[in-house]
Amino acid sequence: MAAAALLTAACSADTVSPTGPSPAGRVSAARLSTALPDDPVRMVLPATGAETRWTQGLDVFVRQEARAAAARCAQEHETTLPEQAPVTFIRYYELPDLVFVARHGLSDSATVPAATPGTATTGGSGSRDGGRVGSGAGERGASGSAAEVRRCLAEGTAAATELRTSYATLQGQWFDTLVSLRRDPAVVRALRTLPGCLSGHGIRVRDENGFFALADTQDQTAAPDRLPAVQRALGSAYADCMRPVEAVREPARLRLRARFLDDHATEVRTLRKSLVPSLHQATKKNGVRLVFPAP
């Protein structure tokens, strides 16, 4: 929930008059990486856009663990679980990964690999909105008694909760801390340059929310064969114009994190000691791979 709150809202735009960007050329698909950070803190408490790739991978891993545990339970009880939406990497636009956005546009991401053979957990594109792409179950394809299904889904939830317990509270506090930067005078000044820069790319909006509202409109109205190019062009413009903003915000986030680590030294020591071993243990148990999107 805290992570979702950090996603840039695009639901209330000012009046915009987009001229439409020129479609960008095709780029290769995003890759997957298995390289862990040198410090687990960077995976749980990201301070840069690039570090959020580890955060996205951790989030996907936990959700896949839930599905794998539920699927194993269903197999043992010879029942079928409800169909679920694909698991995808979800980006954090409070910490925009400008390298990734410039190369792949606003939404496309690496494909999430299947957690275990026979489970429907592969997914493709990422999302700007944590509420739009989720891992909730539908009702199609379910068989077996309702009690068996509930028991297996509960086992999946318990598996995810066990993993999240070691870091969720600390991560939520960190995301809450990041919100303070929205009021930082230097950040506010940097964001004022955004409309003028975007105008130079043929995109007329009043602010960042207006840009994402425009992008959402393009998602809904562009012809399917043109949408990928439009989204890449929008991503290229956004990455270009947000670089001056991130030049201010990223050092500020790193300073905030240094203070945060000092203020939560005990919890951080526990995180560094326990997180990666618990992830490896979960991998052995359920066959889920810990992977991260990479440009």
C-alpha atoms as a PDB file:
ATOM      1  CA  MET A   1       0.000   0.000   0.000  1.00  0.00           C
ATOM      2  CA  ALA A   2       2.817   2.388   0.792  1.00  0.00           C
ATOM      3  CA  ALA A   3       4.474   1.549  -2.506  1.00  0.00           C
ATOM      4  CA  ALA A   4       1.277   2.223  -4.409  1.00  0.00           C
ATOM      5  CA  ALA A   5       1.017   5.603  -2.725  1.00  0.00           C
ATOM      6  CA  LEU A   6       4.362   6.548  -4.244  1.00  0.00           C
ATOM      7  CA  LEU A   7       3.203   6.048  -7.798  1.00  0.00           C
ATOM      8  CA  THR A   8       2.611   9.378  -9.517  1.00  0.00           C
ATOM      9  CA  ALA A   9      -1.117  10.058  -9.726  1.00  0.00           C
ATOM     10  CA  ALA A  10      -2.481  10.854 -13.155  1.00  0.00           C
ATOM     11  CA  CYS A  11      -6.164  11.096 -12.405  1.00  0.00           C
ATOM     12  CA  SER A  12      -6.684  14.876 -12.312  1.00  0.00           C
ATOM     13  CA  ALA A  13      -4.984  16.694 -15.154  1.00  0.00           C
ATOM     14  CA  ASP A  14      -5.146  20.378 -16.032  1.00  0.00           C
ATOM     15  CA  THR A  15      -6.454  21.309 -19.448  1.00  0.00           C
ATOM     16  CA  VAL A  16      -3.915  20.088 -21.971  1.00  0.00           C
ATOM     17  CA  SER A  17      -3.430  20.614 -25.680  1.00  0.00           C
ATOM     18  CA  PRO A  18      -1.154  17.825 -26.800  1.00  0.00           C
ATOM     19  CA  THR A  19       0.277  18.043 -30.273  1.00  0.00           C
ATOM     20  CA  GLY A  20       1.409  14.429 -30.110  1.00  0.00           C
ATOM     21  CA  PRO A  21       5.058  13.368 -30.101  1.00  0.00           C
ATOM     22  CA  SER A  22       6.755  11.804 -33.078  1.00  0.00           C
ATOM     23  CA  PRO A  23       6.899   8.016 -32.792  1.00  0.00           C
ATOM     24  CA  ALA A  24      10.262   6.755 -31.589  1.00  0.00           C
ATOM     25  CA  GLY A  25      12.106   3.929 -33.257  1.00  0.00           C
ATOM     26  CA  ARG A  26      11.792   0.379 -32.067  1.00  0.00           C
ATOM     27  CA  VAL A  27      14.061  -0.786 -29.271  1.00  0.00           C
ATOM     28  CA  SER A  28      14.929  -4.231 -28.059  1.00  0.00           C
ATOM     29  CA  ALA A  29      12.857  -5.769 -25.303  1.00  0.00           C
ATOM     30  CA  ALA A  30      13.897  -5.244 -21.715  1.00  0.00           C
ATOM     31  CA  ARG A  31      16.049  -7.975 -20.212  1.00  0.00           C
ATOM     32  CA  LEU A  32      16.061  -9.814 -16.910  1.00  0.00           C
ATOM     33  CA  SER A  33      18.879  -9.744 -14.378  1.00  0.00           C
ATOM     34  CA  THR A  34      19.593 -12.054 -11.451  1.00  0.00           C
ATOM     35  CA  ALA A  35      22.321  -9.847  -9.954  1.00  0.00           C
ATOM     36  CA  LEU A  36      21.555  -8.949  -6.345  1.00  0.00           C
ATOM     37  CA  PRO A  37      22.601  -5.567  -4.930  1.00  0.00           C
ATOM     38  CA  ASP A  38      25.726  -5.444  -2.819  1.00  0.00           C
ATOM     39  CA  ASP A  39      23.523  -4.232   0.046  1.00  0.00           C
ATOM     40  CA  PRO A  40      19.937  -5.508   0.538  1.00  0.00           C
ATOM     41  CA  VAL A  41      19.047  -2.009   1.729  1.00  0.00           C
ATOM     42  CA  ARG A  42      19.075  -0.885  -1.900  1.00  0.00           C
ATOM     43  CA  MET A  43      16.418  -3.473  -2.746  1.00  0.00           C
ATOM     44  CA  VAL A  44      14.055  -2.544   0.094  1.00  0.00           C
ATOM     45  CA  LEU A  45      14.793   1.178   0.525  1.00  0.00           C
ATOM     46  CA  PRO A  46      15.504   2.476  -2.988  1.00  0.00           C
ATOM     47  CA  ALA A  47      16.838   6.002  -3.397  1.00  0.00           C
ATOM     48  CA  THR A  48      17.391   6.041  -7.180  1.00  0.00           C
ATOM     49  CA  GLY A  49      15.374   4.998 -10.184  1.00  0.00           C
ATOM     50  CA  ALA A  50      17.844   2.258 -11.043  1.00  0.00           C
ATOM     51  CA  GLU A  51      17.555   0.806  -7.533  1.00  0.00           C
ATOM     52  CA  THR A  52      13.799   0.439  -7.965  1.00  0.00           C
ATOM     53  CA  ARG A  53      14.479  -2.394 -10.428  1.00  0.00           C
ATOM     54  CA  TRP A  54      15.514  -4.469  -7.395  1.00  0.00           C
ATOM     55  CA  THR A  55      12.430  -3.273  -5.521  1.00  0.00           C
ATOM     56  CA  GLN A  56      10.199  -4.314  -8.416  1.00  0.00           C
ATOM     57  CA  GLY A  57      11.844  -7.724  -8.540  1.00  0.00           C
ATOM     58  CA  LEU A  58      11.375  -8.237  -4.812  1.00  0.00           C
ATOM     59  CA  ASP A  59       7.701  -7.313  -5.069  1.00  0.00           C
ATOM     60  CA  VAL A  60       7.170  -9.741  -7.965  1.00  0.00           C
ATOM     61  CA  PHE A  61       9.059 -12.484  -6.114  1.00  0.00           C
ATOM     62  CA  VAL A  62       6.792 -12.194  -3.071  1.00  0.00           C
ATOM     63  CA  ARG A  63       3.644 -12.228  -5.204  1.00  0.00           C
ATOM     64  CA  GLN A  64       4.891 -15.269  -7.115  1.00  0.00           C
ATOM     65  CA  GLU A  65       5.736 -17.005  -3.861  1.00  0.00           C
ATOM     66  CA  ALA A  66       2.115 -16.558  -2.826  1.00  0.00           C
ATOM     67  CA  ARG A  67       0.917 -18.083  -6.074  1.00  0.00           C
ATOM     68  CA  ALA A  68       3.388 -20.950  -5.975  1.00  0.00           C
ATOM     69  CA  ALA A  69       2.461 -21.855  -2.407  1.00  0.00           C
ATOM     70  CA  ALA A  70      -1.233 -21.752  -3.273  1.00  0.00           C
ATOM     71  CA  ALA A  71      -0.647 -23.830  -6.411  1.00  0.00           C
ATOM     72  CA  ARG A  72       1.272 -26.463  -4.454  1.00  0.00           C
ATOM     73  CA  CYS A  73      -1.603 -26.672  -1.980  1.00  0.00           C
ATOM     74  CA  ALA A  74      -4.111 -26.995  -4.818  1.00  0.00           C
ATOM     75  CA  GLN A  75      -2.098 -29.809  -6.373  1.00  0.00           C
ATOM     76  CA  GLU A  76      -1.987 -31.660  -3.069  1.00  0.00           C
ATOM     77  CA  HIS A  77      -5.762 -31.353  -2.684  1.00  0.00           C
ATOM     78  CA  GLU A  78      -6.487 -31.982  -6.373  1.00  0.00           C
ATOM     79  CA  THR A  79      -8.338 -28.725  -6.752  1.00  0.00           C
ATOM     80  CA  THR A  80      -8.092 -25.799  -9.157  1.00  0.00           C
ATOM     81  CA  LEU A  81      -7.614 -22.204  -8.095  1.00  0.00           C
ATOM     82  CA  PRO A  82      -9.370 -19.189  -9.656  1.00  0.00           C
ATOM     83  CA  GLU A  83      -7.681 -17.687 -12.673  1.00  0.00           C
ATOM     84  CA  GLN A  84      -5.381 -14.784 -11.843  1.00  0.00           C
ATOM     85  CA  ALA A  85      -4.152 -11.758 -13.746  1.00  0.00           C
ATOM     86  CA  PRO A  86      -0.521 -11.887 -14.897  1.00  0.00           C
ATOM     87  CA  VAL A  87       2.185 -10.785 -12.493  1.00  0.00           C
ATOM     88  CA  THR A  88       4.077  -7.768 -13.811  1.00  0.00           C
ATOM     89  CA  PHE A  89       6.847  -5.426 -12.753  1.00  0.00           C
ATOM     90  CA  ILE A  90       5.296  -2.195 -11.468  1.00  0.00           C
ATOM     91  CA  ARG A  91       7.347   0.973 -11.619  1.00  0.00           C
ATOM     92  CA  TYR A  92       7.735   3.644  -8.960  1.00  0.00           C
ATOM     93  CA  TYR A  93       7.361   7.064 -10.552  1.00  0.00           C
ATOM     94  CA  GLU A  94       8.230   8.853  -7.331  1.00  0.00           C
ATOM     95  CA  LEU A  95      11.700   7.465  -8.156  1.00  0.00           C
ATOM     96  CA  PRO A  96      11.646   7.405 -11.962  1.00  0.00           C
ATOM     97  CA  ASP A  97      14.077   5.072 -13.703  1.00  0.00           C
ATOM     98  CA  LEU A  98      14.936   7.447 -16.529  1.00  0.00           C
ATOM     99  CA  VAL A  99      17.323   5.083 -18.320  1.00  0.00           C
ATOM    100  CA  PHE A 100      14.617   2.431 -18.472  1.00  0.00           C
ATOM    101  CA  VAL A 101      11.898   4.892 -19.486  1.00  0.00           C
ATOM    102  CA  ALA A 102      14.034   6.379 -22.248  1.00  0.00           C
ATOM    103  CA  ARG A 103      14.724   2.950 -23.737  1.00  0.00           C
ATOM    104  CA  HIS A 104      11.370   1.251 -23.289  1.00  0.00           C
ATOM    105  CA  GLY A 105       8.723   3.909 -22.859  1.00  0.00           C
ATOM    106  CA  LEU A 106       6.365   4.481 -19.995  1.00  0.00           C
ATOM    107  CA  SER A 107       4.840   1.038 -19.605  1.00  0.00           C
ATOM    108  CA  ASP A 108       6.773  -1.777 -21.272  1.00  0.00           C
ATOM    109  CA  SER A 109       9.001  -3.840 -19.031  1.00  0.00           C
ATOM    110  CA  ALA A 110      10.710  -7.200 -18.975  1.00  0.00           C
ATOM    111  CA  THR A 111       8.551 -10.320 -19.009  1.00  0.00           C
ATOM    112  CA  VAL A 112       8.101 -11.992 -15.645  1.00  0.00           C
ATOM    113  CA  PRO A 113       9.071 -15.671 -15.993  1.00  0.00           C
ATOM    114  CA  ALA A 114       6.802 -18.441 -14.806  1.00  0.00           C
ATOM    115  CA  ALA A 115       7.330 -19.286 -11.164  1.00  0.00           C
ATOM    116  CA  THR A 116       6.887 -23.028 -11.562  1.00  0.00           C
ATOM    117  CA  PRO A 117       5.881 -25.286 -14.473  1.00  0.00           C
ATOM    118  CA  GLY A 118       2.169 -25.232 -15.067  1.00  0.00           C
ATOM    119  CA  THR A 119       1.360 -22.055 -13.120  1.00  0.00           C
ATOM    120  CA  ALA A 120      -0.118 -19.099 -14.937  1.00  0.00           C
ATOM    121  CA  THR A 121       2.275 -16.458 -13.675  1.00  0.00           C
ATOM    122  CA  THR A 122       3.942 -15.053 -16.769  1.00  0.00           C
ATOM    123  CA  GLY A 123       3.326 -11.411 -17.487  1.00  0.00           C
ATOM    124  CA  GLY A 124       4.599  -8.715 -19.782  1.00  0.00           C
ATOM    125  CA  SER A 125       4.245  -4.974 -19.473  1.00  0.00           C
ATOM    126  CA  GLY A 126       4.659  -2.978 -16.333  1.00  0.00           C
ATOM    127  CA  SER A 127       2.341  -0.216 -15.192  1.00  0.00           C
ATOM    128  CA  ARG A 128       2.381   3.284 -13.804  1.00  0.00           C
ATOM    129  CA  ASP A 129      -0.605   2.484 -11.621  1.00  0.00           C
ATOM    130  CA  GLY A 130      -0.365  -0.192  -8.948  1.00  0.00           C
ATOM    131  CA  GLY A 131      -4.152  -0.498  -8.962  1.00  0.00           C
ATOM    132  CA  ARG A 132      -4.386  -1.124 -12.684  1.00  0.00           C
ATOM    133  CA  VAL A 133      -2.223  -4.205 -12.932  1.00  0.00           C
ATOM    134  CA  GLY A 134      -2.556  -6.552  -9.991  1.00  0.00           C
ATOM    135  CA  SER A 135      -2.381 -10.104  -8.788  1.00  0.00           C
ATOM    136  CA  GLY A 136      -5.907 -10.544  -7.531  1.00  0.00           C
ATOM    137  CA  ALA A 137      -7.859 -13.637  -8.429  1.00  0.00           C
ATOM    138  CA  GLY A 138     -10.795 -13.743 -10.763  1.00  0.00           C
ATOM    139  CA  GLU A 139     -13.527 -16.335 -10.625  1.00  0.00           C
ATOM    140  CA  ARG A 140     -13.020 -18.140 -13.922  1.00  0.00           C
ATOM    141  CA  GLY A 141     -11.577 -21.626 -13.978  1.00  0.00           C
ATOM    142  CA  ALA A 142     -12.115 -22.500 -10.318  1.00  0.00           C
ATOM    143  CA  SER A 143     -13.069 -26.041  -9.325  1.00  0.00           C
ATOM    144  CA  GLY A 144     -13.108 -27.998  -6.110  1.00  0.00           C
ATOM    145  CA  SER A 145     -14.834 -26.979  -2.921  1.00  0.00           C
ATOM    146  CA  ALA A 146     -14.882 -23.361  -1.842  1.00  0.00           C
ATOM    147  CA  ALA A 147     -13.257 -24.363   1.445  1.00  0.00           C
ATOM    148  CA  GLU A 148     -10.316 -26.014  -0.342  1.00  0.00           C
ATOM    149  CA  VAL A 149      -9.815 -22.974  -2.549  1.00  0.00           C
ATOM    150  CA  ARG A 150      -9.917 -20.626   0.438  1.00  0.00           C
ATOM    151  CA  ARG A 151      -7.440 -22.818   2.319  1.00  0.00           C
ATOM    152  CA  CYS A 152      -4.958 -22.787  -0.557  1.00  0.00           C
ATOM    153  CA  LEU A 153      -5.268 -19.080  -1.182  1.00  0.00           C
ATOM    154  CA  ALA A 154      -4.730 -18.536   2.539  1.00  0.00           C
ATOM    155  CA  GLU A 155      -1.543 -20.612   2.358  1.00  0.00           C
ATOM    156  CA  GLY A 156      -0.341 -18.394  -0.453  1.00  0.00           C
ATOM    157  CA  THR A 157      -1.104 -15.257   1.514  1.00  0.00           C
ATOM    158  CA  ALA A 158       0.719 -16.671   4.543  1.00  0.00           C
ATOM    159  CA  ALA A 159       3.815 -17.417   2.439  1.00  0.00           C
ATOM    160  CA  ALA A 160       3.892 -13.851   1.138  1.00  0.00           C
ATOM    161  CA  THR A 161       3.299 -12.392   4.578  1.00  0.00           C
ATOM    162  CA  GLU A 162       6.170 -14.401   6.030  1.00  0.00           C
ATOM    163  CA  LEU A 163       8.544 -12.891   3.480  1.00  0.00           C
ATOM    164  CA  ARG A 164       7.227  -9.341   3.784  1.00  0.00           C
ATOM    165  CA  THR A 165       7.351  -9.326   7.567  1.00  0.00           C
ATOM    166  CA  SER A 166      11.105  -8.834   7.569  1.00  0.00           C
ATOM    167  CA  TYR A 167      10.986  -5.573   5.621  1.00  0.00           C
ATOM    168  CA  ALA A 168       7.451  -4.246   5.026  1.00  0.00           C
ATOM    169  CA  THR A 169       7.231  -1.922   8.015  1.00  0.00           C
ATOM    170  CA  LEU A 170      10.663  -0.437   7.402  1.00  0.00           C
ATOM    171  CA  GLN A 171       9.931  -0.012   3.698  1.00  0.00           C
ATOM    172  CA  GLY A 172       6.635   1.714   4.425  1.00  0.00           C
ATOM    173  CA  GLN A 173       8.383   4.162   6.741  1.00  0.00           C
ATOM    174  CA  TRP A 174      10.964   4.876   4.052  1.00  0.00           C
ATOM    175  CA  PHE A 175       8.349   5.570   1.403  1.00  0.00           C
ATOM    176  CA  ASP A 176       6.564   7.892   3.819  1.00  0.00           C
ATOM    177  CA  THR A 177       9.857   9.717   4.361  1.00  0.00           C
ATOM    178  CA  LEU A 178      10.283  10.234   0.617  1.00  0.00           C
ATOM    179  CA  VAL A 179       6.999  12.116   0.394  1.00  0.00           C
ATOM    180  CA  SER A 180       8.621  15.046   2.229  1.00  0.00           C
ATOM    181  CA  LEU A 181      10.689  15.823  -0.880  1.00  0.00           C
ATOM    182  CA  ARG A 182       7.575  16.951  -2.717  1.00  0.00           C
ATOM    183  CA  ARG A 183       7.671  20.115  -0.591  1.00  0.00           C
ATOM    184  CA  ASP A 184      11.432  20.674  -0.877  1.00  0.00           C
ATOM    185  CA  PRO A 185      11.990  24.152  -2.417  1.00  0.00           C
ATOM    186  CA  ALA A 186      14.775  22.950  -4.723  1.00  0.00           C
ATOM    187  CA  VAL A 187      12.591  20.104  -6.004  1.00  0.00           C
ATOM    188  CA  VAL A 188       9.646  22.452  -6.531  1.00  0.00           C
ATOM    189  CA  ARG A 189      11.858  24.806  -8.555  1.00  0.00           C
ATOM    190  CA  ALA A 190      13.208  21.947 -10.659  1.00  0.00           C
ATOM    191  CA  LEU A 191       9.705  20.680 -11.436  1.00  0.00           C
ATOM    192  CA  ARG A 192       8.740  24.120 -12.743  1.00  0.00           C
ATOM    193  CA  THR A 193      11.064  23.522 -15.703  1.00  0.00           C
ATOM    194  CA  LEU A 194       9.099  20.458 -16.800  1.00  0.00           C
ATOM    195  CA  PRO A 195       6.256  22.077 -18.824  1.00  0.00           C
ATOM    196  CA  GLY A 196       8.641  24.202 -20.893  1.00  0.00           C
ATOM    197  CA  CYS A 197      10.891  21.257 -21.654  1.00  0.00           C
ATOM    198  CA  LEU A 198       7.959  19.031 -22.618  1.00  0.00           C
ATOM    199  CA  SER A 199       6.617  21.789 -24.855  1.00  0.00           C
ATOM    200  CA  GLY A 200       9.872  21.564 -26.792  1.00  0.00           C
ATOM    201  CA  HIS A 201       8.959  17.933 -27.473  1.00  0.00           C
ATOM    202  CA  GLY A 202       5.511  18.918 -28.746  1.00  0.00           C
ATOM    203  CA  ILE A 203       3.756  18.024 -25.480  1.00  0.00           C
ATOM    204  CA  ARG A 204       1.795  20.863 -23.880  1.00  0.00           C
ATOM    205  CA  VAL A 205       0.870  20.154 -20.278  1.00  0.00           C
ATOM    206  CA  ARG A 206       0.953  22.190 -17.081  1.00  0.00           C
ATOM    207  CA  ASP A 207       2.746  19.760 -14.805  1.00  0.00           C
ATOM    208  CA  GLU A 208       3.785  16.155 -14.276  1.00  0.00           C
ATOM    209  CA  ASN A 209       0.251  15.027 -13.431  1.00  0.00           C
ATOM    210  CA  GLY A 210      -0.924  16.576 -16.668  1.00  0.00           C
ATOM    211  CA  PHE A 211       1.715  14.619 -18.545  1.00  0.00           C
ATOM    212  CA  PHE A 212       0.582  11.317 -17.082  1.00  0.00           C
ATOM    213  CA  ALA A 213      -3.059  12.203 -17.792  1.00  0.00           C
ATOM    214  CA  LEU A 214      -2.066  12.752 -21.416  1.00  0.00           C
ATOM    215  CA  ALA A 215      -0.214   9.437 -21.464  1.00  0.00           C
ATOM    216  CA  ASP A 216      -3.307   7.695 -20.075  1.00  0.00           C
ATOM    217  CA  THR A 217      -5.406   9.280 -22.817  1.00  0.00           C
ATOM    218  CA  GLN A 218      -2.956   8.010 -25.423  1.00  0.00           C
ATOM    219  CA  ASP A 219      -3.210   4.530 -23.898  1.00  0.00           C
ATOM    220  CA  GLN A 220      -6.954   4.594 -24.458  1.00  0.00           C
ATOM    221  CA  THR A 221      -7.192   6.320 -27.839  1.00  0.00           C
ATOM    222  CA  ALA A 222      -4.107   5.545 -29.929  1.00  0.00           C
ATOM    223  CA  ALA A 223      -4.389   2.886 -32.591  1.00  0.00           C
ATOM    224  CA  PRO A 224      -2.993  -0.428 -31.273  1.00  0.00           C
ATOM    225  CA  ASP A 225      -0.309  -0.613 -33.965  1.00  0.00           C
ATOM    226  CA  ARG A 226       0.878   2.909 -33.134  1.00  0.00           C
ATOM    227  CA  LEU A 227       0.630   2.789 -29.351  1.00  0.00           C
ATOM    228  CA  PRO A 228       4.069   1.252 -28.639  1.00  0.00           C
ATOM    229  CA  ALA A 229       5.800   3.946 -30.679  1.00  0.00           C
ATOM    230  CA  VAL A 230       3.745   6.708 -29.066  1.00  0.00           C
ATOM    231  CA  GLN A 231       4.526   5.399 -25.594  1.00  0.00           C
ATOM    232  CA  ARG A 232       8.240   5.187 -26.378  1.00  0.00           C
ATOM    233  CA  ALA A 233       8.190   8.757 -27.685  1.00  0.00           C
ATOM    234  CA  LEU A 234       6.409   9.966 -24.568  1.00  0.00           C
ATOM    235  CA  GLY A 235       8.920   8.058 -22.452  1.00  0.00           C
ATOM    236  CA  SER A 236      11.835   9.607 -24.302  1.00  0.00           C
ATOM    237  CA  ALA A 237      10.449  13.105 -23.753  1.00  0.00           C
ATOM    238  CA  TYR A 238       9.700  12.424 -20.092  1.00  0.00           C
ATOM    239  CA  ALA A 239      13.170  11.037 -19.442  1.00  0.00           C
ATOM    240  CA  ASP A 240      14.809  14.019 -21.130  1.00  0.00           C
ATOM    241  CA  CYS A 241      12.790  16.586 -19.204  1.00  0.00           C
ATOM    242  CA  MET A 242      12.988  14.858 -15.834  1.00  0.00           C
ATOM    243  CA  ARG A 243      16.789  14.645 -15.803  1.00  0.00           C
ATOM    244  CA  PRO A 244      17.182  18.137 -14.270  1.00  0.00           C
ATOM    245  CA  VAL A 245      14.590  17.203 -11.647  1.00  0.00           C
ATOM    246  CA  GLU A 246      16.328  13.951 -10.775  1.00  0.00           C
ATOM    247  CA  ALA A 247      19.643  15.790 -10.627  1.00  0.00           C
ATOM    248  CA  VAL A 248      18.131  17.563  -7.617  1.00  0.00           C
ATOM    249  CA  ARG A 249      15.999  14.783  -6.140  1.00  0.00           C
ATOM    250  CA  GLU A 250      18.409  11.867  -6.328  1.00  0.00           C
ATOM    251  CA  PRO A 251      21.144  13.416  -4.138  1.00  0.00           C
ATOM    252  CA  ALA A 252      18.415  14.572  -1.742  1.00  0.00           C
ATOM    253  CA  ARG A 253      17.023  11.023  -1.514  1.00  0.00           C
ATOM    254  CA  LEU A 254      20.482   9.605  -0.889  1.00  0.00           C
ATOM    255  CA  ARG A 255      20.986  12.083   1.961  1.00  0.00           C
ATOM    256  CA  LEU A 256      17.572  11.193   3.352  1.00  0.00           C
ATOM    257  CA  ARG A 257      18.422   7.503   3.232  1.00  0.00           C
ATOM    258  CA  ALA A 258      21.703   7.986   5.039  1.00  0.00           C
ATOM    259  CA  ARG A 259      19.831   9.655   7.897  1.00  0.00           C
ATOM    260  CA  PHE A 260      17.078   7.038   7.751  1.00  0.00           C
ATOM    261  CA  LEU A 261      19.606   4.211   8.099  1.00  0.00           C
ATOM    262  CA  ASP A 262      21.121   5.889  11.150  1.00  0.00           C
ATOM    263  CA  ASP A 263      17.698   6.409  12.693  1.00  0.00           C
ATOM    264  CA  HIS A 264      16.714   2.753  12.133  1.00  0.00           C
ATOM    265  CA  ALA A 265      20.069   1.105  12.706  1.00  0.00           C
ATOM    266  CA  THR A 266      18.714  -1.919  14.589  1.00  0.00           C
ATOM    267  CA  GLU A 267      16.076  -2.762  11.969  1.00  0.00           C
ATOM    268  CA  VAL A 268      18.595  -2.248   9.183  1.00  0.00           C
ATOM    269  CA  ARG A 269      21.068  -4.671  10.764  1.00  0.00           C
ATOM    270  CA  THR A 270      18.353  -7.303  10.960  1.00  0.00           C
ATOM    271  CA  LEU A 271      17.360  -6.666   7.346  1.00  0.00           C
ATOM    272  CA  ARG A 272      20.920  -7.043   6.104  1.00  0.00           C
ATOM    273  CA  LYS A 273      21.351 -10.278   8.015  1.00  0.00           C
ATOM    274  CA  SER A 274      18.071 -12.021   7.227  1.00  0.00           C
ATOM    275  CA  LEU A 275      16.531 -10.857   3.961  1.00  0.00           C
ATOM    276  CA  VAL A 276      18.667 -12.568   1.318  1.00  0.00           C
ATOM    277  CA  PRO A 277      18.821 -15.922   3.179  1.00  0.00           C
ATOM    278  CA  SER A 278      15.035 -15.906   3.505  1.00  0.00           C
ATOM    279  CA  LEU A 279      14.670 -15.261  -0.216  1.00  0.00           C
ATOM    280  CA  HIS A 280      17.031 -18.118  -1.063  1.00  0.00           C
ATOM    281  CA  GLN A 281      15.109 -20.422   1.248  1.00  0.00           C
ATOM    282  CA  ALA A 282      11.824 -19.481  -0.421  1.00  0.00           C
ATOM    283  CA  THR A 283      13.358 -20.129  -3.837  1.00  0.00           C
ATOM    284  CA  LYS A 284      14.341 -23.659  -2.850  1.00  0.00           C
ATOM    285  CA  LYS A 285      10.912 -24.358  -1.419  1.00  0.00           C
ATOM    286  CA  ASN A 286       8.699 -23.141  -4.256  1.00  0.00           C
ATOM    287  CA  GLY A 287      10.955 -22.869  -7.297  1.00  0.00           C
ATOM    288  CA  VAL A 288      10.431 -19.124  -7.755  1.00  0.00           C
ATOM    289  CA  ARG A 289      13.292 -17.221  -9.392  1.00  0.00           C
ATOM    290  CA  LEU A 290      14.330 -13.852  -8.022  1.00  0.00           C
ATOM    291  CA  VAL A 291      14.787 -11.697 -11.128  1.00  0.00           C
ATOM    292  CA  PHE A 292      14.830  -7.997 -11.876  1.00  0.00           C
ATOM    293  CA  PRO A 293      14.009  -5.901 -14.961  1.00  0.00           C
ATOM    294  CA  ALA A 294      17.091  -4.555 -16.720  1.00  0.00           C
ATOM    295  CA  PRO A 295      17.429  -2.123 -19.645  1.00  0.00           C
END
